[in-house]
């Protein structure tokens, strides 16, 4: 089982990223929560525990956690304490900078999946 706890649904992943995740089993998307910048530390811990309990509904899972930094850190620490494998997607950013028709400087980035790396 591969749990994707992020804002990036697996339906939009590249073929290579889906194939890498499928090595661990079926992909399950759990949308990353909206974390308010006004949340207290206790409220954040409660939110982490709520999502940890959702993850616990699945057995023998590898979990990719990517999102708001403090939530992500606390979730990774909790998952690892329970012996659950946690990974992050490693990608290469390919950027192109250009000037649009209104003379605005713009940058477009494409992230090319490389692999999952375990924490």
Protein backbone atom coordinates (compact mmCIF):
# COMPACT_ATOMS: atom_id res chain seq x y z
CA UNK A 1 0.00 0.00 0.00
CA UNK A 2 1.32 3.46 -0.94
CA UNK A 3 -0.40 6.37 0.79
CA UNK A 4 -0.09 9.75 -0.87
CA UNK A 5 -0.65 12.43 1.79
CA UNK A 6 -0.17 15.54 -0.32
CA UNK A 7 -2.05 18.11 -2.38
CA UNK A 8 -1.05 16.33 -5.57
CA UNK A 9 -3.52 13.59 -6.44
CA UNK A 10 -1.91 10.52 -7.97
CA UNK A 11 -4.26 10.79 -10.96
CA UNK A 12 -2.07 13.67 -12.16
CA UNK A 13 1.28 11.92 -11.56
CA UNK A 14 3.56 10.90 -14.40
CA UNK A 15 3.67 7.31 -15.56
CA UNK A 16 7.09 6.89 -13.94
CA UNK A 17 5.91 8.21 -10.56
CA UNK A 18 2.86 5.94 -10.56
CA UNK A 19 5.06 2.96 -11.47
CA UNK A 20 7.48 3.76 -8.62
CA UNK A 21 4.61 4.03 -6.13
CA UNK A 22 2.93 0.84 -7.38
CA UNK A 23 6.02 -1.13 -6.36
CA UNK A 24 4.73 -0.68 -2.79
CA UNK A 25 1.16 -1.64 -3.72
CA UNK A 26 -2.10 0.13 -4.43
CA UNK A 27 -1.96 3.95 -4.31
CA UNK A 28 -4.36 5.62 -1.88
CA UNK A 29 -4.75 9.41 -1.98
CA UNK A 30 -5.40 11.22 1.29
CA UNK A 31 -5.70 14.95 0.55
CA UNK A 32 -3.35 17.07 2.66
CA UNK A 33 -5.28 19.21 5.17
CA UNK A 34 -5.52 22.98 4.92
CA UNK A 35 -3.29 24.15 7.77
CA UNK A 36 -4.11 27.64 8.97
CA UNK A 37 -1.15 29.87 9.81
CA UNK A 38 -3.15 30.84 12.92
CA UNK A 39 -3.37 27.29 14.29
CA UNK A 40 -1.97 26.67 17.78
CA UNK A 41 0.64 24.02 18.42
CA UNK A 42 -1.95 21.86 20.22
CA UNK A 43 -4.45 22.23 17.39
CA UNK A 44 -1.73 21.20 14.95
CA UNK A 45 -0.91 18.13 17.05
CA UNK A 46 -4.62 17.25 17.07
CA UNK A 47 -4.76 17.59 13.28
CA UNK A 48 -1.67 15.42 12.87
CA UNK A 49 -3.25 12.77 15.11
CA UNK A 50 -6.49 12.90 13.10
CA UNK A 51 -4.59 12.20 9.87
CA UNK A 52 -2.35 9.63 11.55
CA UNK A 53 -5.52 7.73 12.52
CA UNK A 54 -6.67 7.82 8.87
CA UNK A 55 -3.34 6.32 7.82
CA UNK A 56 -3.63 3.64 10.52
CA UNK A 57 -6.74 2.33 8.74
CA UNK A 58 -4.38 0.81 6.15
CA UNK A 59 -1.94 -1.97 6.91
CA UNK A 60 1.64 -2.34 5.76
CA UNK A 61 1.72 1.10 4.17
CA UNK A 62 4.51 3.29 2.88
CA UNK A 63 3.51 6.94 3.25
CA UNK A 64 4.54 9.93 1.17
CA UNK A 65 4.01 13.09 3.22
CA UNK A 66 4.48 16.44 1.48
CA UNK A 67 2.86 19.73 2.43
CA UNK A 68 2.95 22.41 5.12
CA UNK A 69 6.33 22.04 6.80
CA UNK A 70 5.52 21.78 10.52
CA UNK A 71 2.59 19.39 9.98
CA UNK A 72 4.79 17.32 7.68
CA UNK A 73 7.64 17.18 10.20
CA UNK A 74 5.37 16.16 13.08
CA UNK A 75 3.63 13.54 10.95
CA UNK A 76 6.92 12.03 9.78
CA UNK A 77 8.21 11.82 13.36
CA UNK A 78 4.99 10.12 14.51
CA UNK A 79 4.91 7.66 11.61
CA UNK A 80 8.57 6.69 12.06
CA UNK A 81 8.07 6.19 15.82
CA UNK A 82 5.44 3.62 14.86
CA UNK A 83 7.80 1.89 12.44
CA UNK A 84 5.97 3.11 9.34
CA UNK A 85 8.11 3.84 6.28
CA UNK A 86 7.91 7.43 5.07
CA UNK A 87 9.13 8.75 1.72
CA UNK A 88 9.34 11.98 -0.25
CA UNK A 89 9.24 12.40 -4.00
CA UNK A 90 12.47 13.69 -5.48
CA UNK A 91 12.08 15.71 -8.65
CA UNK A 92 14.21 17.77 -10.95
CA UNK A 93 12.94 21.28 -11.60
CA UNK A 94 13.28 22.43 -15.20
CA UNK A 95 12.55 26.16 -15.50
CA UNK A 96 12.18 28.45 -18.47
CA UNK A 97 12.15 32.22 -18.04
CA UNK A 98 10.50 34.44 -20.67
CA UNK A 99 8.98 37.89 -21.20
CA UNK A 100 5.29 37.84 -22.07
CA UNK A 101 3.39 40.15 -24.42
CA UNK A 102 2.90 42.69 -21.58
CA UNK A 103 6.66 42.79 -20.88
CA UNK A 104 6.24 40.81 -17.65
CA UNK A 105 9.04 38.44 -16.78
CA UNK A 106 7.55 35.00 -16.23
CA UNK A 107 8.94 31.66 -15.21
CA UNK A 108 7.44 28.26 -15.91
CA UNK A 109 8.67 25.22 -14.07
CA UNK A 110 8.20 21.56 -14.82
CA UNK A 111 9.02 19.05 -12.12
CA UNK A 112 10.29 15.75 -13.49
CA UNK A 113 9.91 12.87 -11.03
CA UNK A 114 13.15 11.01 -10.33
CA UNK A 115 12.45 8.65 -7.40
CA UNK A 116 11.08 8.24 -3.90
CA UNK A 117 13.60 8.70 -1.09
CA UNK A 118 12.99 7.30 2.38
CA UNK A 119 13.32 9.54 5.42
